[in-house]
Amino acid sequence: YGFYTGFDSDNSSGDFSEANHKVAEMLDLDPHQSNRPGKHNGETEIQENGIKRHRTSLPAPMFSRSDFSVWSILKKCIGLELSKITMPIVFNEPLSFLQRITEYMEHIYLINKACSHADPLERMQAVAAFAVSAVASQWERTGKPFNPLLGETYELTREDLGFRFISEQVSHHPPISAFYSEGLNKDFIFHGSIYPIEAEPRGTITLELLKHNEAYTWTNPTCCVHNVIIGKLWLEQYGTVEIVNHSTGDKCVLNFKPCGLFGKELHRVEGYIQDKNRKKLCVIYGKWTECLWCTDPTTYETYKKNEKRGGEQKKLKPSEDVIKSENDEADDMPEVQDTVQFIPGSKLLWRINCRPPNSSQMYNFTSFAVSLNELEKGMEAILAPTDCRLRPDIRNMENGNMDVASKEKERLEEKQRAARKERAKDEVEWHTRWFHQGTNPYTGTSDWLYSGGYFDRNFSDCPDIY
């Protein structure tokens, strides 16, 4: 996430205002791509957030970035700190960073799978797949999310998927976002804090499987955006991710490989799971943009030796039978040709969800992402006044009103600056509402922990940020 907050700040001068983009027509999307609504006694269940069926398209297609040069903007900013550079809103996507974090939950079926397994090795395999899937939604997402304002929040309740989620922007300098999610069946807790502006990712991600009394922790890989100056923007994830099971001592080490000179390692992920005695239990391989497989270490080493000798290589062919046998969510799986070298006998751990038709006109959003800024009638009475859905700059951008969105963004940032100056003058410290700074009970490192109480919906003391 390092790139996404680098070119934005609350020091916006508002110099970059885009012409209002008039929408010629609504996007025509396949209704079958929508997320399945929850059912209760044969009827559509109304969720706590009031939505029965989630939308399958945005109100307006994205604004063309072809007329804007990143380099022409950067030339004007020579000598400025990175955090002082303001990019025009056309390079954004109509989501807050808090909503982008929520996309971790797109592949929640992997948490459910981990909860259901009796074997700790299979639980670790599912958790590893979940950790990789958490970055998969970034594929081809080169628009940057809006920087959250201090005190901004986002909640998401998905009864059809079995979880609820709350996040808060707990610090502005440096920017820190904290989140907490729990299973509606009281089967898991997932929480963490993200420091997105750091060159190296910071912040601990924690997943607790309550039934098994297990806790897993890890950090995200480094995210890099290429061709900022010229050419087509593309994302790379690289670095080592270590997932630790603090109950069993098992560890999963995943190496997100850098692209390399000729792109041979592009998007590749390789790693292994070992027990507390460092014995390798299985090897994991695949691509974070496509799929993840696992096999036993002996089979993997034999295959690699044969590959070096120039032995026959088999490419995986899409197989509905394989997908269904490995994944109960087969209906949501894409029918695409994988480019991963398939090792016979491997088990499929995860495959990326299919993106909706016309995704390229919707900031390359997934079906899950399309629904995140949805605001149904009546929801405003339920949501906290600090919720991202109520941000006027994001709402106007989503609706295609780029000029208004740009002006609103400038107004909100000016309001935030004024509030900070007022607190400094009165020597008043900022107090977070839903999270507090503490110590992660499993790693012993500093972390932001959920204080509780959000879903009691007492929002009387929330700050006025919009």
Protein backbone atom coordinates (compact mmCIF):
# COMPACT_ATOMS: atom_id res chain seq x y z
CA TYR A 1 0.00 0.00 0.00
CA GLY A 2 3.04 2.30 0.08
CA PHE A 3 2.23 4.11 -3.16
CA TYR A 4 -1.34 4.95 -2.39
CA THR A 5 -0.83 7.60 0.25
CA GLY A 6 2.46 8.95 -1.05
CA PHE A 7 0.98 11.40 -3.54
CA ASP A 8 -1.71 13.03 -1.47
CA SER A 9 -1.81 15.21 1.59
CA ASP A 10 -3.86 17.65 3.57
CA ASN A 11 -1.71 20.40 2.04
CA SER A 12 -3.84 20.41 -1.08
CA SER A 13 -3.90 23.70 -2.94
CA GLY A 14 -6.81 22.67 -5.11
CA ASP A 15 -4.93 23.65 -8.27
CA PHE A 16 -6.02 20.55 -10.14
CA SER A 17 -9.71 20.72 -10.92
CA GLU A 18 -11.15 18.38 -13.54
CA ALA A 19 -13.95 19.12 -15.92
CA ASN A 20 -17.27 17.66 -14.88
CA HIS A 21 -17.60 14.25 -16.49
CA LYS A 22 -21.08 13.66 -17.89
CA VAL A 23 -22.17 10.05 -17.97
CA ALA A 24 -23.45 8.90 -21.35
CA GLU A 25 -25.04 5.72 -20.09
CA MET A 26 -25.14 3.39 -17.13
CA LEU A 27 -22.88 0.37 -17.24
CA ASP A 28 -24.71 -2.75 -18.29
CA LEU A 29 -23.50 -5.52 -16.00
CA ASP A 30 -24.44 -9.12 -15.55
CA PRO A 31 -26.79 -9.35 -12.53
CA HIS A 32 -25.51 -12.86 -11.84
CA GLN A 33 -22.19 -11.35 -10.74
CA SER A 34 -23.80 -9.78 -7.67
CA ASN A 35 -23.08 -11.21 -4.25
CA ARG A 36 -25.70 -13.62 -3.04
CA PRO A 37 -28.06 -12.08 -0.47
CA GLY A 38 -28.53 -13.78 2.88
CA LYS A 39 -31.58 -15.96 3.33
CA HIS A 40 -33.77 -16.55 6.34
CA ASN A 41 -36.76 -18.89 6.26
CA GLY A 42 -36.75 -18.70 2.49
CA GLU A 43 -36.95 -14.91 2.40
CA THR A 44 -34.34 -12.25 1.62
CA GLU A 45 -32.82 -11.19 4.91
CA ILE A 46 -32.47 -7.49 5.59
CA GLN A 47 -28.99 -6.88 6.92
CA GLU A 48 -28.13 -4.57 9.78
CA ASN A 49 -26.91 -2.01 7.24
CA GLY A 50 -30.24 -2.18 5.43
CA ILE A 51 -29.07 -3.69 2.14
CA LYS A 52 -30.94 -6.66 0.70
CA ARG A 53 -29.08 -7.09 -2.56
CA HIS A 54 -25.73 -5.57 -3.39
CA ARG A 55 -25.20 -3.49 -6.49
CA THR A 56 -23.25 -4.84 -9.45
CA SER A 57 -22.05 -1.56 -11.01
CA LEU A 58 -20.99 1.96 -10.09
CA PRO A 59 -23.27 4.92 -10.87
CA ALA A 60 -20.77 6.28 -13.42
CA PRO A 61 -17.82 4.88 -15.38
CA MET A 62 -14.35 6.06 -14.41
CA PHE A 63 -12.93 9.32 -15.70
CA SER A 64 -10.26 8.91 -18.39
CA ARG A 65 -6.73 9.48 -17.11
CA SER A 66 -5.21 9.55 -20.60
CA ASP A 67 -5.12 13.37 -20.72
CA PHE A 68 -3.17 13.65 -17.46
CA SER A 69 0.56 13.14 -17.09
CA VAL A 70 1.95 12.12 -13.71
CA TRP A 71 5.35 13.43 -14.80
CA SER A 72 4.04 16.91 -15.59
CA ILE A 73 2.67 17.08 -12.04
CA LEU A 74 5.83 15.73 -10.41
CA LYS A 75 8.01 18.27 -12.27
CA LYS A 76 6.15 21.05 -10.44
CA CYS A 77 6.88 19.35 -7.12
CA ILE A 78 10.68 19.06 -7.35
CA GLY A 79 12.14 19.79 -3.92
CA LEU A 80 8.93 19.04 -2.02
CA GLU A 81 8.59 16.22 0.48
CA LEU A 82 6.69 13.24 -0.91
CA SER A 83 3.90 13.74 1.62
CA LYS A 84 3.45 17.35 0.42
CA ILE A 85 2.72 16.39 -3.19
CA THR A 86 -0.91 16.54 -4.18
CA MET A 87 -2.13 14.50 -7.12
CA PRO A 88 -5.28 15.51 -9.01
CA ILE A 89 -8.36 13.59 -8.02
CA VAL A 90 -8.47 11.90 -11.42
CA PHE A 91 -5.72 9.55 -10.19
CA ASN A 92 -7.90 8.42 -7.28
CA GLU A 93 -10.52 5.71 -7.14
CA PRO A 94 -13.85 6.41 -5.38
CA LEU A 95 -13.01 4.52 -2.19
CA SER A 96 -11.33 5.50 1.05
CA PHE A 97 -8.24 3.58 2.15
CA LEU A 98 -10.40 2.24 5.00
CA GLN A 99 -12.70 0.67 2.41
CA ARG A 100 -9.71 -0.72 0.53
CA ILE A 101 -8.58 -2.47 3.73
CA THR A 102 -12.02 -4.09 3.97
CA GLU A 103 -11.23 -5.95 0.74
CA TYR A 104 -9.22 -8.34 2.91
CA MET A 105 -12.61 -9.93 3.58
CA GLU A 106 -13.42 -10.72 -0.05
CA HIS A 107 -12.16 -14.29 0.32
CA ILE A 108 -13.59 -14.86 3.79
CA TYR A 109 -14.55 -18.41 2.80
CA LEU A 110 -10.86 -19.23 3.44
CA ILE A 111 -11.26 -18.22 7.10
CA ASN A 112 -14.39 -20.38 7.26
CA LYS A 113 -12.42 -23.24 5.75
CA ALA A 114 -9.65 -22.80 8.33
CA CYS A 115 -12.23 -22.86 11.12
CA SER A 116 -13.72 -26.11 9.79
CA HIS A 117 -10.46 -28.12 9.51
CA ALA A 118 -9.47 -30.46 12.35
CA ASP A 119 -5.88 -30.77 11.05
CA PRO A 120 -3.61 -27.82 12.04
CA LEU A 121 -1.65 -28.18 8.78
CA GLU A 122 -4.82 -27.71 6.74
CA ARG A 123 -5.75 -24.75 8.90
CA MET A 124 -2.37 -23.13 8.19
CA GLN A 125 -2.79 -23.81 4.46
CA ALA A 126 -6.13 -22.00 4.48
CA VAL A 127 -4.72 -19.09 6.50
CA ALA A 128 -1.77 -18.80 4.10
CA ALA A 129 -4.18 -18.70 1.17
CA PHE A 130 -6.19 -15.99 2.96
CA ALA A 131 -3.04 -13.90 3.53
CA VAL A 132 -2.20 -14.08 -0.20
CA SER A 133 -5.79 -13.41 -1.27
CA ALA A 134 -5.77 -10.21 0.83
CA VAL A 135 -3.45 -8.52 -1.69
CA ALA A 136 -5.04 -10.04 -4.82
CA SER A 137 -7.64 -7.29 -5.22
CA GLN A 138 -4.78 -4.82 -5.88
CA TRP A 139 -4.05 -6.47 -9.22
CA GLU A 140 -4.41 -3.78 -11.93
CA ARG A 141 -5.78 -1.33 -9.33
CA THR A 142 -3.56 1.67 -10.08
CA GLY A 143 -5.98 4.32 -8.82
CA LYS A 144 -5.13 5.42 -5.31
CA PRO A 145 -7.79 5.37 -2.60
CA PHE A 146 -8.63 8.61 -0.77
CA ASN A 147 -6.56 9.31 2.33
CA PRO A 148 -8.85 8.84 5.35
CA LEU A 149 -9.43 11.91 7.48
CA LEU A 150 -8.44 11.65 11.12
CA GLY A 151 -11.39 10.03 12.92
CA GLU A 152 -12.92 8.66 9.72
CA THR A 153 -14.55 5.23 10.09
CA TYR A 154 -15.97 2.48 7.92
CA GLU A 155 -18.24 -0.35 8.89
CA LEU A 156 -19.41 -3.30 6.86
CA THR A 157 -21.89 -5.94 7.94
CA ARG A 158 -22.31 -8.84 5.55
CA GLU A 159 -24.74 -11.35 7.00
CA ASP A 160 -24.61 -13.30 3.75
CA LEU A 161 -20.85 -13.76 4.25
CA GLY A 162 -21.00 -14.09 8.04
CA PHE A 163 -18.91 -11.16 9.31
CA ARG A 164 -18.92 -7.56 10.42
CA PHE A 165 -16.05 -5.11 10.13
CA ILE A 166 -15.12 -1.75 11.63
CA SER A 167 -12.09 0.47 10.91
CA GLU A 168 -10.92 3.89 12.06
CA GLN A 169 -8.20 6.31 11.00
CA VAL A 170 -6.39 6.55 14.32
CA SER A 171 -3.46 8.77 13.28
CA HIS A 172 -2.84 11.33 10.55
CA HIS A 173 0.92 11.92 10.92
CA PRO A 174 1.97 9.21 10.34
CA PRO A 175 -1.18 7.81 8.72
CA ILE A 176 -2.36 4.71 10.58
CA SER A 177 -5.55 2.75 9.93
CA ALA A 178 -6.83 0.22 12.49
CA PHE A 179 -9.44 -2.45 11.81
CA TYR A 180 -11.38 -5.18 13.61
CA SER A 181 -13.62 -7.89 12.19
CA GLU A 182 -15.49 -10.74 13.78
CA GLY A 183 -17.51 -13.71 12.60
CA LEU A 184 -21.22 -13.40 13.21
CA ASN A 185 -21.11 -16.99 14.44
CA LYS A 186 -18.40 -16.06 16.97
CA ASP A 187 -15.94 -18.32 15.14
CA PHE A 188 -13.10 -15.87 14.40
CA ILE A 189 -11.63 -12.45 15.16
CA PHE A 190 -9.47 -10.64 12.58
CA HIS A 191 -7.73 -7.37 13.43
CA GLY A 192 -4.72 -5.24 12.68
CA SER A 193 -3.23 -1.84 11.92
CA ILE A 194 -1.77 -0.58 8.66
CA TYR A 195 0.96 2.07 8.23
CA PRO A 196 0.57 2.57 4.45
CA ILE A 197 3.11 5.34 3.86
CA GLU A 198 6.07 3.33 5.12
CA ALA A 199 8.58 2.13 2.50
CA GLU A 200 8.58 -1.18 4.33
CA PRO A 201 5.13 -2.37 5.44
CA ARG A 202 4.45 -2.06 9.14
CA GLY A 203 1.58 -3.15 11.28
CA THR A 204 0.63 -6.58 12.52
CA ILE A 205 -2.24 -8.61 11.09
CA THR A 206 -3.83 -11.04 13.57
CA LEU A 207 -6.34 -13.82 12.94
CA GLU A 208 -7.82 -15.72 15.87
CA LEU A 209 -9.69 -19.00 15.30
CA LEU A 210 -11.75 -19.14 18.47
CA LYS A 211 -12.95 -22.75 18.20
CA HIS A 212 -9.35 -23.99 17.95
CA ASN A 213 -7.95 -21.44 20.43
CA GLU A 214 -5.36 -20.45 17.82
CA ALA A 215 -3.85 -17.12 16.82
CA TYR A 216 -1.94 -16.39 13.62
CA THR A 217 0.04 -13.20 12.96
CA TRP A 218 1.78 -11.79 9.87
CA THR A 219 2.69 -8.58 8.04
CA ASN A 220 1.88 -7.71 4.44
CA PRO A 221 4.43 -7.76 1.59
CA THR A 222 5.86 -4.55 0.14
CA CYS A 223 3.82 -2.96 -2.65
CA CYS A 224 5.57 -1.10 -5.48
CA VAL A 225 4.04 0.76 -8.43
CA HIS A 226 6.07 0.76 -11.64
CA ASN A 227 6.04 3.23 -14.55
CA VAL A 228 4.85 6.22 -12.52
CA ILE A 229 6.78 8.54 -14.87
CA ILE A 230 6.04 6.94 -18.25
CA GLY A 231 4.31 3.84 -19.59
CA LYS A 232 1.48 1.74 -18.21
CA LEU A 233 1.27 1.62 -14.42
CA TRP A 234 1.54 -1.82 -12.88
CA LEU A 235 1.79 -3.21 -9.36
CA GLU A 236 4.33 -5.53 -7.83
CA GLN A 237 4.20 -7.25 -4.44
CA TYR A 238 7.50 -8.49 -3.09
CA GLY A 239 9.17 -9.51 0.14
CA THR A 240 8.88 -12.29 2.71
CA VAL A 241 5.71 -12.87 4.71
CA GLU A 242 5.93 -15.06 7.79
CA ILE A 243 2.71 -16.42 9.25
CA VAL A 244 3.11 -17.79 12.77
CA ASN A 245 0.67 -20.09 14.57
CA HIS A 246 1.29 -19.03 18.17
CA SER A 247 -0.47 -22.11 19.55
CA THR A 248 1.35 -24.89 17.69
CA GLY A 249 4.59 -23.16 16.72
CA ASP A 250 3.96 -23.93 13.05
CA LYS A 251 5.19 -21.29 10.63
CA CYS A 252 4.46 -20.50 6.99
CA VAL A 253 7.13 -18.57 5.07
CA LEU A 254 5.92 -17.03 1.80
CA ASN A 255 8.33 -15.36 -0.62
CA PHE A 256 6.63 -12.82 -2.92
CA LYS A 257 9.28 -12.77 -5.63
CA PRO A 258 10.43 -9.54 -7.28
CA CYS A 259 9.80 -9.32 -11.00
CA GLY A 260 13.41 -9.65 -12.13
CA LEU A 261 15.06 -8.33 -15.28
CA PHE A 262 12.98 -10.29 -17.81
CA GLY A 263 9.78 -10.63 -15.77
CA LYS A 264 10.27 -14.36 -15.27
CA GLU A 265 9.29 -14.21 -11.58
CA LEU A 266 6.42 -11.72 -12.06
CA HIS A 267 3.67 -12.17 -9.42
CA ARG A 268 5.14 -15.48 -8.23
CA VAL A 269 4.73 -16.67 -4.65
CA GLU A 270 6.68 -19.62 -3.27
CA GLY A 271 7.05 -20.87 0.27
CA TYR A 272 6.58 -23.65 2.74
CA ILE A 273 4.96 -24.61 6.02
CA GLN A 274 7.18 -25.96 8.79
CA ASP A 275 6.43 -27.30 12.26
CA LYS A 276 7.97 -26.06 15.50
CA ASN A 277 10.97 -28.34 14.90
CA ARG A 278 11.53 -26.70 11.48
CA LYS A 279 10.51 -29.81 9.58
CA LYS A 280 8.97 -28.85 6.22
CA LEU A 281 5.41 -30.14 6.06
CA CYS A 282 4.40 -28.86 2.62
CA VAL A 283 5.44 -26.48 -0.16
CA ILE A 284 3.18 -23.66 -1.41
CA TYR A 285 3.47 -22.11 -4.87
CA GLY A 286 1.46 -19.98 -7.29
CA LYS A 287 0.81 -16.33 -8.16
CA TRP A 288 -0.90 -13.72 -6.02
CA THR A 289 -2.78 -12.58 -9.13
CA GLU A 290 -4.12 -16.05 -9.99
CA CYS A 291 -4.03 -19.04 -7.67
CA LEU A 292 -2.18 -20.88 -4.93
CA TRP A 293 -1.35 -24.60 -4.72
CA CYS A 294 0.38 -26.86 -2.22
CA THR A 295 2.20 -30.17 -2.48
CA ASP A 296 4.50 -32.28 -0.32
CA PRO A 297 8.20 -31.27 -0.23
CA THR A 298 9.50 -34.49 -1.84
CA THR A 299 7.21 -34.17 -4.87
CA TYR A 300 8.18 -30.50 -5.22
CA GLU A 301 11.94 -31.16 -5.10
CA THR A 302 11.63 -34.04 -7.59
CA TYR A 303 9.66 -31.85 -9.98
CA LYS A 304 12.17 -29.00 -9.70
CA LYS A 305 15.11 -31.30 -10.39
CA ASN A 306 13.34 -32.69 -13.43
CA GLU A 307 12.55 -29.15 -14.57
CA LYS A 308 16.25 -28.20 -14.39
CA ARG A 309 17.09 -31.22 -16.54
CA GLY A 310 14.64 -29.97 -19.16
CA GLY A 311 11.91 -32.47 -18.33
CA GLU A 312 8.38 -32.10 -19.62
CA GLN A 313 6.39 -29.34 -17.94
CA LYS A 314 2.65 -29.43 -17.62
CA LYS A 315 0.53 -26.33 -17.68
CA LEU A 316 -2.63 -26.35 -15.61
CA LYS A 317 -5.85 -26.42 -17.59
CA PRO A 318 -9.01 -24.99 -16.08
CA SER A 319 -10.96 -27.82 -14.55
CA GLU A 320 -14.37 -27.32 -13.03
CA ASP A 321 -14.03 -30.65 -11.24
CA VAL A 322 -10.74 -29.59 -9.60
CA ILE A 323 -12.19 -26.26 -8.51
CA LYS A 324 -15.33 -27.79 -7.06
CA SER A 325 -13.45 -30.50 -5.25
CA GLU A 326 -11.17 -27.97 -3.58
CA ASN A 327 -13.50 -25.05 -3.03
CA ASP A 328 -17.13 -24.85 -1.99
CA GLU A 329 -17.28 -21.38 -3.54
CA ALA A 330 -16.89 -22.81 -7.05
CA ASP A 331 -19.75 -20.70 -8.42
CA ASP A 332 -17.66 -17.59 -7.78
CA MET A 333 -14.52 -18.92 -9.45
CA PRO A 334 -13.39 -17.63 -12.84
CA GLU A 335 -12.94 -19.85 -15.84
CA VAL A 336 -9.53 -18.54 -16.85
CA GLN A 337 -6.29 -20.08 -18.06
CA ASP A 338 -3.72 -20.08 -15.27
CA THR A 339 -0.07 -19.45 -16.15
CA VAL A 340 1.27 -21.29 -13.10
CA GLN A 341 3.35 -24.41 -13.74
CA PHE A 342 1.18 -27.15 -12.25
CA ILE A 343 2.89 -29.92 -10.29
CA PRO A 344 0.83 -33.15 -10.56
CA GLY A 345 -0.78 -34.15 -7.28
CA SER A 346 -0.98 -30.58 -5.96
CA LYS A 347 -3.98 -29.34 -3.97
CA LEU A 348 -5.69 -26.08 -4.91
CA LEU A 349 -5.79 -23.68 -1.95
CA TRP A 350 -7.23 -20.57 -3.59
CA ARG A 351 -8.10 -19.06 -6.94
CA ILE A 352 -8.85 -15.37 -7.60
CA ASN A 353 -12.46 -14.33 -8.01
CA CYS A 354 -13.70 -13.35 -11.43
CA ARG A 355 -14.06 -9.61 -11.95
CA PRO A 356 -17.37 -8.26 -13.20
CA PRO A 357 -17.95 -7.35 -16.85
CA ASN A 358 -16.72 -3.82 -17.64
CA SER A 359 -14.47 -3.89 -14.56
CA SER A 360 -11.94 -1.84 -16.55
CA GLN A 361 -14.51 1.00 -16.69
CA MET A 362 -14.98 0.74 -12.92
CA TYR A 363 -11.37 1.25 -11.71
CA ASN A 364 -10.75 -2.51 -12.09
CA PHE A 365 -12.94 -3.14 -9.05
CA THR A 366 -13.97 -6.64 -8.06
CA SER A 367 -17.66 -7.37 -7.46
CA PHE A 368 -16.94 -7.05 -3.73
CA ALA A 369 -15.27 -3.63 -4.16
CA VAL A 370 -18.17 -2.33 -6.28
CA SER A 371 -20.49 -2.76 -3.29
CA LEU A 372 -18.32 -1.07 -0.65
CA ASN A 373 -19.48 2.53 -1.09
CA GLU A 374 -23.12 1.59 -1.55
CA LEU A 375 -25.48 3.92 0.36
CA GLU A 376 -29.08 2.77 0.46
CA LYS A 377 -31.96 4.94 1.66
CA GLY A 378 -32.18 4.84 5.44
CA MET A 379 -28.56 3.84 6.01
CA GLU A 380 -27.52 7.35 7.08
CA ALA A 381 -29.67 6.99 10.20
CA ILE A 382 -27.73 3.82 11.15
CA LEU A 383 -24.14 4.69 10.20
CA ALA A 384 -21.72 6.69 12.31
CA PRO A 385 -21.48 10.28 11.01
CA THR A 386 -17.79 9.61 10.33
CA ASP A 387 -18.44 6.70 7.92
CA CYS A 388 -16.66 6.84 4.53
CA ARG A 389 -19.96 6.47 2.66
CA LEU A 390 -20.89 9.96 3.85
CA ARG A 391 -17.75 11.64 2.46
CA PRO A 392 -18.94 14.11 -0.20
CA ASP A 393 -15.73 14.05 -2.26
CA ILE A 394 -15.81 10.26 -2.69
CA ARG A 395 -19.57 10.26 -3.30
CA ASN A 396 -19.29 12.94 -6.01
CA MET A 397 -16.40 11.17 -7.70
CA GLU A 398 -18.37 7.93 -7.74
CA ASN A 399 -21.24 9.79 -9.40
CA GLY A 400 -18.94 11.30 -12.03
CA ASN A 401 -19.04 14.87 -10.65
CA MET A 402 -15.28 15.41 -10.76
CA ASP A 403 -15.24 19.20 -10.30
CA VAL A 404 -17.44 19.02 -7.21
CA ALA A 405 -15.42 16.07 -5.86
CA SER A 406 -12.16 18.02 -6.23
CA LYS A 407 -13.58 21.08 -4.45
CA GLU A 408 -15.04 18.94 -1.66
CA LYS A 409 -11.73 17.17 -1.17
CA GLU A 410 -10.00 20.53 -0.79
CA ARG A 411 -12.68 21.72 1.66
CA LEU A 412 -12.41 18.60 3.83
CA GLU A 413 -8.62 18.81 3.98
CA GLU A 414 -8.80 22.51 4.91
CA LYS A 415 -11.33 21.68 7.63
CA GLN A 416 -8.98 19.00 8.97
CA ARG A 417 -6.05 21.46 9.03
CA ALA A 418 -8.13 24.08 10.83
CA ALA A 419 -9.27 21.56 13.46
CA ARG A 420 -5.67 20.48 14.06
CA LYS A 421 -4.53 24.10 14.52
CA GLU A 422 -7.40 24.70 16.94
CA ARG A 423 -6.41 21.67 19.03
CA ALA A 424 -2.77 22.81 19.03
CA LYS A 425 -3.78 26.29 20.18
CA ASP A 426 -5.90 24.90 23.03
CA GLU A 427 -3.31 22.17 23.76
CA VAL A 428 -5.98 19.50 23.32
CA GLU A 429 -4.91 16.00 22.34
CA TRP A 430 -6.81 13.96 19.76
CA HIS A 431 -8.58 10.94 21.22
CA THR A 432 -9.47 7.97 19.07
CA ARG A 433 -13.03 6.71 19.43
CA TRP A 434 -13.08 2.97 18.74
CA PHE A 435 -9.45 1.83 19.02
CA HIS A 436 -6.67 2.34 21.56
CA GLN A 437 -2.91 1.90 21.40
CA GLY A 438 -1.70 -1.19 23.21
CA THR A 439 0.39 -4.32 22.88
CA ASN A 440 -0.41 -7.23 20.59
CA PRO A 441 -0.89 -10.16 23.01
CA TYR A 442 0.83 -12.62 20.65
CA THR A 443 3.79 -10.68 19.26
CA GLY A 444 4.44 -8.28 22.13
CA THR A 445 4.73 -5.41 19.64
CA SER A 446 2.85 -2.11 19.65
CA ASP A 447 -0.59 -2.42 18.06
CA TRP A 448 -3.94 -0.67 17.81
CA LEU A 449 -6.64 -2.71 19.53
CA TYR A 450 -10.43 -2.49 19.24
CA SER A 451 -12.00 -0.89 22.31
CA GLY A 452 -15.44 -2.34 21.60
CA GLY A 453 -18.86 -0.74 21.63
CA TYR A 454 -19.17 0.41 18.01
CA PHE A 455 -22.16 -1.77 17.21
CA ASP A 456 -24.04 -0.41 20.24
CA ARG A 457 -24.41 2.60 17.92
CA ASN A 458 -23.86 5.36 20.42
CA PHE A 459 -22.39 7.96 18.07
CA SER A 460 -23.17 11.05 20.15
CA ASP A 461 -19.50 11.96 20.71
CA CYS A 462 -18.19 11.33 17.19
CA PRO A 463 -16.14 14.17 15.68
CA ASP A 464 -17.53 16.42 12.94
CA ILE A 465 -15.11 15.77 10.07
CA TYR A 466 -17.27 16.23 6.96
